[in-house]
Amino acid sequence: MWRKHAVWTQCALTMPMIMSIATCMSWQHITLWDDMYWSVIFMISTAIQFCAAEHGDFGITVDTWHAVQKYRTFVVYCIIASWTMLQLETQYQFGLVLPFVVLSIYAHKHHRIILIVAIITQIAYSGPWIWTTATLYAEYMTEHNFSKSIQGRHASIWMRRAYACIALTVLLEAMTLWSIRCQHRFPYTFRWAPIVASAICLPGVVTWTNANIKDTEVSQDVTVKSQKHRVAASITAAKQCESCRACLTSLDMESSFATHAEPNRDHSTRPTANIHRPTV
């Protein structure tokens, strides 16, 4: 799995996917608003994360998916903060989601400030501040590692660390949301079933991935010169993404070399004549 970092995020998404299923299967009349709210949040959030992680065109461009992912992060952090600081019923929390979406377009770069305020409030009022703090740190380390990868090789350790932090952020963010959901939903106790199911399924997903998915294609000859969005972990995906092609140097040369190196080597090799000298 160490050489398959392009699919680490998809493997980590096993946990929020299971939580999405759990929220949809737990609908009850007494907690209908809560169940509807958290089902929508988990399903939409997980779908956006998956499409961004795949680094492909799913109806919209890769650039758009990564922009939506930034807005999603801001909205999720606002949701964490609103449930932490505002004592509102779920119907009103539902009404806040749309303003959060609109605000994310203009203020998505300030998402950490919102989460820091939420963490301070959680510490004061016994919220899940450990999970929230860990989420903030993992998200910060993701951007830190991506920034370190600039002017470095595409096959550098910084790229692997960045994608490891993305996967870790997915898991910690899911735990934070699940903790808040259990804290505010009757009977106000932590539900371990989705966590146990994730702990059982995740090793199976990793084992299947390790056996059936080929290693992520990287190159020491390609340099990351800038970053418009998160550079694709795989050279194959990068070649299909216009923004990644613009952010990587020698990518065309790498493709050309891979295609033409073998013919050139063959042409430059002279055949050796097999001369038989007559014996006297």
Protein backbone atom coordinates (compact mmCIF):
# COMPACT_ATOMS: atom_id res chain seq x y z
CA MET A 1 0.00 0.00 0.00
CA TRP A 2 2.97 2.35 0.46
CA ARG A 3 3.25 2.75 -3.33
CA LYS A 4 -0.50 3.20 -3.89
CA HIS A 5 -0.97 6.63 -2.31
CA ALA A 6 -3.33 7.72 -5.12
CA VAL A 7 -6.08 5.60 -3.53
CA TRP A 8 -5.40 6.20 0.17
CA THR A 9 -8.17 8.81 0.37
CA GLN A 10 -10.70 6.51 -1.30
CA CYS A 11 -9.87 3.80 1.23
CA ALA A 12 -10.30 6.24 4.12
CA LEU A 13 -13.71 7.27 2.76
CA THR A 14 -14.95 3.84 3.86
CA MET A 15 -15.69 5.31 7.30
CA PRO A 16 -17.87 8.29 6.23
CA MET A 17 -19.61 6.03 3.70
CA ILE A 18 -20.56 3.62 6.48
CA MET A 19 -21.68 6.54 8.63
CA SER A 20 -23.84 7.78 5.74
CA ILE A 21 -25.50 4.37 5.52
CA ALA A 22 -25.96 4.27 9.30
CA THR A 23 -27.67 7.67 9.38
CA CYS A 24 -30.01 6.66 6.55
CA MET A 25 -30.91 3.39 8.29
CA SER A 26 -31.63 5.02 11.66
CA TRP A 27 -34.55 7.24 10.63
CA GLN A 28 -37.22 7.40 13.35
CA HIS A 29 -40.27 9.57 13.79
CA ILE A 30 -39.04 11.02 17.08
CA THR A 31 -35.69 12.09 15.58
CA LEU A 32 -36.77 12.65 11.97
CA TRP A 33 -35.24 16.13 11.55
CA ASP A 34 -31.94 15.02 13.05
CA ASP A 35 -31.82 11.92 10.87
CA MET A 36 -32.65 13.86 7.70
CA TYR A 37 -30.09 16.53 8.48
CA TRP A 38 -27.15 14.21 9.19
CA SER A 39 -28.02 11.89 6.30
CA VAL A 40 -27.83 14.80 3.86
CA ILE A 41 -24.61 16.17 5.39
CA PHE A 42 -22.78 12.83 5.38
CA MET A 43 -23.92 11.76 1.90
CA ILE A 44 -23.17 15.03 0.12
CA SER A 45 -19.88 15.55 1.94
CA THR A 46 -18.68 12.02 1.19
CA ALA A 47 -19.69 12.24 -2.48
CA ILE A 48 -17.75 15.50 -2.96
CA GLN A 49 -14.67 14.09 -1.23
CA PHE A 50 -14.77 10.98 -3.42
CA CYS A 51 -15.09 12.89 -6.70
CA ALA A 52 -12.25 15.25 -5.73
CA ALA A 53 -10.05 12.31 -4.70
CA GLU A 54 -10.65 10.54 -8.02
CA HIS A 55 -9.21 13.57 -9.86
CA GLY A 56 -11.42 13.05 -12.86
CA ASP A 57 -14.26 14.69 -14.77
CA PHE A 58 -17.55 13.60 -13.21
CA GLY A 59 -19.99 15.88 -15.03
CA ILE A 60 -17.83 18.92 -14.19
CA THR A 61 -14.13 19.64 -14.55
CA VAL A 62 -11.42 18.59 -12.09
CA ASP A 63 -10.81 22.26 -11.21
CA THR A 64 -14.47 22.68 -10.30
CA TRP A 65 -14.48 19.57 -8.12
CA HIS A 66 -11.45 20.82 -6.20
CA ALA A 67 -13.09 24.23 -5.77
CA VAL A 68 -16.24 22.50 -4.49
CA GLN A 69 -14.05 20.51 -2.10
CA LYS A 70 -12.67 23.76 -0.63
CA TYR A 71 -16.21 25.09 -0.19
CA ARG A 72 -17.25 21.77 1.36
CA THR A 73 -14.46 22.02 3.95
CA PHE A 74 -15.58 25.52 4.91
CA VAL A 75 -19.23 24.48 5.20
CA VAL A 76 -18.37 21.42 7.32
CA TYR A 77 -16.28 23.55 9.67
CA CYS A 78 -19.16 26.03 9.94
CA ILE A 79 -21.49 23.14 10.77
CA ILE A 80 -19.12 21.97 13.51
CA ALA A 81 -18.97 25.51 14.89
CA SER A 82 -22.73 26.11 14.72
CA TRP A 83 -23.57 22.89 16.56
CA THR A 84 -20.89 23.74 19.14
CA MET A 85 -21.75 27.39 19.80
CA LEU A 86 -25.44 27.75 18.94
CA GLN A 87 -28.18 26.02 20.90
CA LEU A 88 -30.57 25.71 17.98
CA GLU A 89 -33.06 23.05 17.00
CA THR A 90 -32.24 20.95 13.95
CA GLN A 91 -34.78 22.74 11.76
CA TYR A 92 -32.85 25.98 12.23
CA GLN A 93 -29.52 24.23 11.72
CA PHE A 94 -30.94 23.06 8.39
CA GLY A 95 -31.67 26.68 7.51
CA LEU A 96 -28.07 27.71 8.21
CA VAL A 97 -26.56 25.34 5.65
CA LEU A 98 -27.47 27.50 2.64
CA PRO A 99 -25.94 30.70 4.14
CA PHE A 100 -22.81 28.66 4.93
CA VAL A 101 -22.63 27.55 1.29
CA VAL A 102 -22.93 31.14 0.03
CA LEU A 103 -20.38 32.37 2.58
CA SER A 104 -17.92 29.64 1.57
CA ILE A 105 -17.57 31.18 -1.91
CA TYR A 106 -16.10 34.35 -0.42
CA ALA A 107 -14.53 33.21 2.87
CA HIS A 108 -13.32 29.63 2.30
CA LYS A 109 -9.70 30.65 2.96
CA HIS A 110 -10.58 31.44 6.59
CA HIS A 111 -11.92 27.99 7.46
CA ARG A 112 -9.27 27.36 10.15
CA ILE A 113 -10.30 30.42 12.14
CA ILE A 114 -13.84 29.06 12.37
CA LEU A 115 -12.58 25.68 13.58
CA ILE A 116 -10.26 27.26 16.16
CA VAL A 117 -13.21 29.18 17.64
CA ALA A 118 -15.19 25.92 17.71
CA ILE A 119 -12.34 24.12 19.50
CA ILE A 120 -12.15 26.82 22.19
CA THR A 121 -15.89 26.56 22.74
CA GLN A 122 -15.76 22.75 22.85
CA ILE A 123 -13.03 22.83 25.49
CA ALA A 124 -15.19 25.16 27.60
CA TYR A 125 -18.40 23.16 27.17
CA SER A 126 -17.15 19.55 27.00
CA GLY A 127 -17.41 19.09 23.24
CA PRO A 128 -15.40 16.63 21.13
CA TRP A 129 -12.42 18.99 21.05
CA ILE A 130 -9.83 16.21 20.71
CA TRP A 131 -11.26 15.01 17.39
CA THR A 132 -11.74 18.59 16.19
CA THR A 133 -8.19 19.61 17.12
CA ALA A 134 -6.78 16.53 15.41
CA THR A 135 -8.83 17.35 12.29
CA LEU A 136 -7.46 20.89 12.23
CA TYR A 137 -3.88 19.68 12.61
CA ALA A 138 -4.22 17.01 9.89
CA GLU A 139 -5.75 19.54 7.48
CA TYR A 140 -2.93 22.00 8.19
CA MET A 141 -0.29 19.33 7.62
CA THR A 142 -1.92 18.46 4.30
CA GLU A 143 -1.38 21.96 2.97
CA HIS A 144 2.07 22.12 4.59
CA ASN A 145 3.22 18.98 2.79
CA PHE A 146 1.78 20.11 -0.54
CA SER A 147 3.63 23.42 -0.19
CA LYS A 148 6.85 21.52 0.59
CA SER A 149 6.40 19.47 -2.58
CA ILE A 150 6.63 22.60 -4.77
CA GLN A 151 9.96 22.78 -6.61
CA GLY A 152 10.49 19.16 -5.70
CA ARG A 153 10.15 15.88 -7.57
CA HIS A 154 6.72 14.43 -8.20
CA ALA A 155 7.95 11.21 -6.61
CA SER A 156 9.10 13.01 -3.43
CA ILE A 157 8.14 11.94 0.08
CA TRP A 158 6.20 15.20 0.49
CA MET A 159 3.56 14.04 -1.97
CA ARG A 160 3.05 10.78 -0.10
CA ARG A 161 2.86 12.62 3.22
CA ALA A 162 0.32 15.05 1.77
CA TYR A 163 -1.96 12.25 0.60
CA ALA A 164 -1.52 10.43 3.90
CA CYS A 165 -2.68 13.58 5.69
CA ILE A 166 -5.70 13.87 3.37
CA ALA A 167 -6.73 10.31 4.28
CA LEU A 168 -6.18 11.04 7.98
CA THR A 169 -8.25 14.24 7.72
CA VAL A 170 -11.13 12.27 6.19
CA LEU A 171 -11.15 9.86 9.13
CA LEU A 172 -10.82 12.53 11.83
CA GLU A 173 -13.43 14.81 10.27
CA ALA A 174 -15.87 11.90 10.09
CA MET A 175 -15.25 11.12 13.76
CA THR A 176 -15.83 14.77 14.68
CA LEU A 177 -19.14 14.96 12.82
CA TRP A 178 -20.28 11.61 14.20
CA SER A 179 -19.45 12.70 17.76
CA ILE A 180 -21.47 15.91 17.35
CA ARG A 181 -24.34 13.99 15.79
CA CYS A 182 -24.49 11.55 18.72
CA GLN A 183 -24.14 14.38 21.26
CA HIS A 184 -27.21 16.20 19.94
CA ARG A 185 -29.45 13.30 18.91
CA PHE A 186 -31.70 11.38 21.28
CA PRO A 187 -30.79 9.40 23.39
CA TYR A 188 -27.55 11.47 23.43
CA THR A 189 -25.14 8.55 23.67
CA PHE A 190 -22.22 7.69 21.40
CA ARG A 191 -23.10 5.00 18.84
CA TRP A 192 -20.20 2.62 18.31
CA ALA A 193 -21.72 0.37 15.64
CA PRO A 194 -20.54 2.44 12.62
CA ILE A 195 -17.09 2.80 14.18
CA VAL A 196 -16.81 -0.96 14.70
CA ALA A 197 -18.13 -1.63 11.18
CA SER A 198 -15.54 0.79 9.77
CA ALA A 199 -12.76 -0.88 11.76
CA ILE A 200 -13.81 -4.23 10.27
CA CYS A 201 -14.33 -3.04 6.69
CA LEU A 202 -11.32 -0.76 6.35
CA PRO A 203 -8.68 -3.53 6.62
CA GLY A 204 -10.65 -5.51 4.05
CA VAL A 205 -10.71 -2.55 1.67
CA VAL A 206 -6.97 -1.99 2.16
CA THR A 207 -6.24 -5.69 1.55
CA TRP A 208 -8.32 -5.76 -1.64
CA THR A 209 -6.71 -2.53 -2.87
CA ASN A 210 -3.22 -3.84 -2.18
CA ALA A 211 -3.96 -7.00 -4.19
CA ASN A 212 -5.86 -5.51 -7.13
CA ILE A 213 -4.78 -1.89 -7.67
CA LYS A 214 -1.45 -1.23 -9.35
CA ASP A 215 1.16 1.04 -7.79
CA THR A 216 0.73 4.77 -8.27
CA GLU A 217 2.76 5.94 -11.25
CA VAL A 218 5.24 8.64 -10.22
CA SER A 219 8.36 10.12 -11.80
CA GLN A 220 11.68 11.47 -10.56
CA ASP A 221 12.01 13.40 -13.85
CA VAL A 222 8.90 15.55 -13.27
CA THR A 223 9.09 18.62 -11.01
CA VAL A 224 6.18 20.34 -9.25
CA LYS A 225 6.68 24.01 -10.11
CA SER A 226 3.40 25.40 -8.73
CA GLN A 227 -0.01 24.35 -7.46
CA LYS A 228 -3.36 25.50 -8.80
CA HIS A 229 -5.16 22.72 -7.00
CA ARG A 230 -3.80 19.64 -5.27
CA VAL A 231 -1.50 17.96 -7.77
CA ALA A 232 -2.60 14.47 -8.77
CA ALA A 233 -0.72 11.68 -7.02
CA SER A 234 -0.47 9.74 -10.28
CA ILE A 235 1.36 10.93 -13.39
CA THR A 236 -1.36 9.22 -15.44
CA ALA A 237 -4.08 11.38 -13.83
CA ALA A 238 -1.86 14.48 -14.06
CA LYS A 239 -1.48 14.05 -17.83
CA GLN A 240 -5.28 14.12 -18.18
CA CYS A 241 -5.69 17.26 -16.04
CA GLU A 242 -4.99 20.61 -17.68
CA SER A 243 -4.14 22.34 -14.40
CA CYS A 244 -1.75 19.60 -13.31
CA ARG A 245 -0.01 19.67 -16.69
CA ALA A 246 0.55 23.40 -16.23
CA CYS A 247 1.96 22.88 -12.73
CA LEU A 248 4.44 20.13 -13.63
CA THR A 249 7.63 20.59 -15.61
CA SER A 250 9.07 18.01 -18.03
CA LEU A 251 5.74 16.19 -18.16
CA ASP A 252 5.66 16.19 -21.97
CA MET A 253 9.29 15.10 -22.06
CA GLU A 254 8.48 12.30 -19.63
CA SER A 255 5.67 11.09 -21.92
CA SER A 256 7.85 11.39 -25.00
CA PHE A 257 10.75 9.61 -23.36
CA ALA A 258 8.53 6.77 -22.21
CA THR A 259 7.22 6.37 -25.76
CA HIS A 260 10.40 6.75 -27.78
CA ALA A 261 13.23 5.60 -25.54
CA GLU A 262 12.99 1.97 -26.57
CA PRO A 263 13.08 2.56 -30.38
CA ASN A 264 16.01 4.98 -30.02
CA ARG A 265 17.95 2.48 -28.03
CA ASP A 266 17.33 -0.20 -30.64
CA HIS A 267 18.47 2.03 -33.52
CA SER A 268 21.67 3.01 -31.75
CA THR A 269 22.71 -0.60 -31.22
CA ARG A 270 24.76 -2.08 -34.00
CA PRO A 271 24.36 -5.77 -34.80
CA THR A 272 27.43 -7.82 -34.26
CA ALA A 273 28.45 -9.97 -37.22
CA ASN A 274 28.93 -13.61 -36.54
CA ILE A 275 32.13 -14.38 -38.50
CA HIS A 276 33.32 -17.94 -38.71
CA ARG A 277 37.02 -18.23 -39.52
CA PRO A 278 38.10 -21.26 -41.41
CA THR A 279 40.28 -23.62 -39.53
CA VAL A 280 43.59 -24.65 -41.01
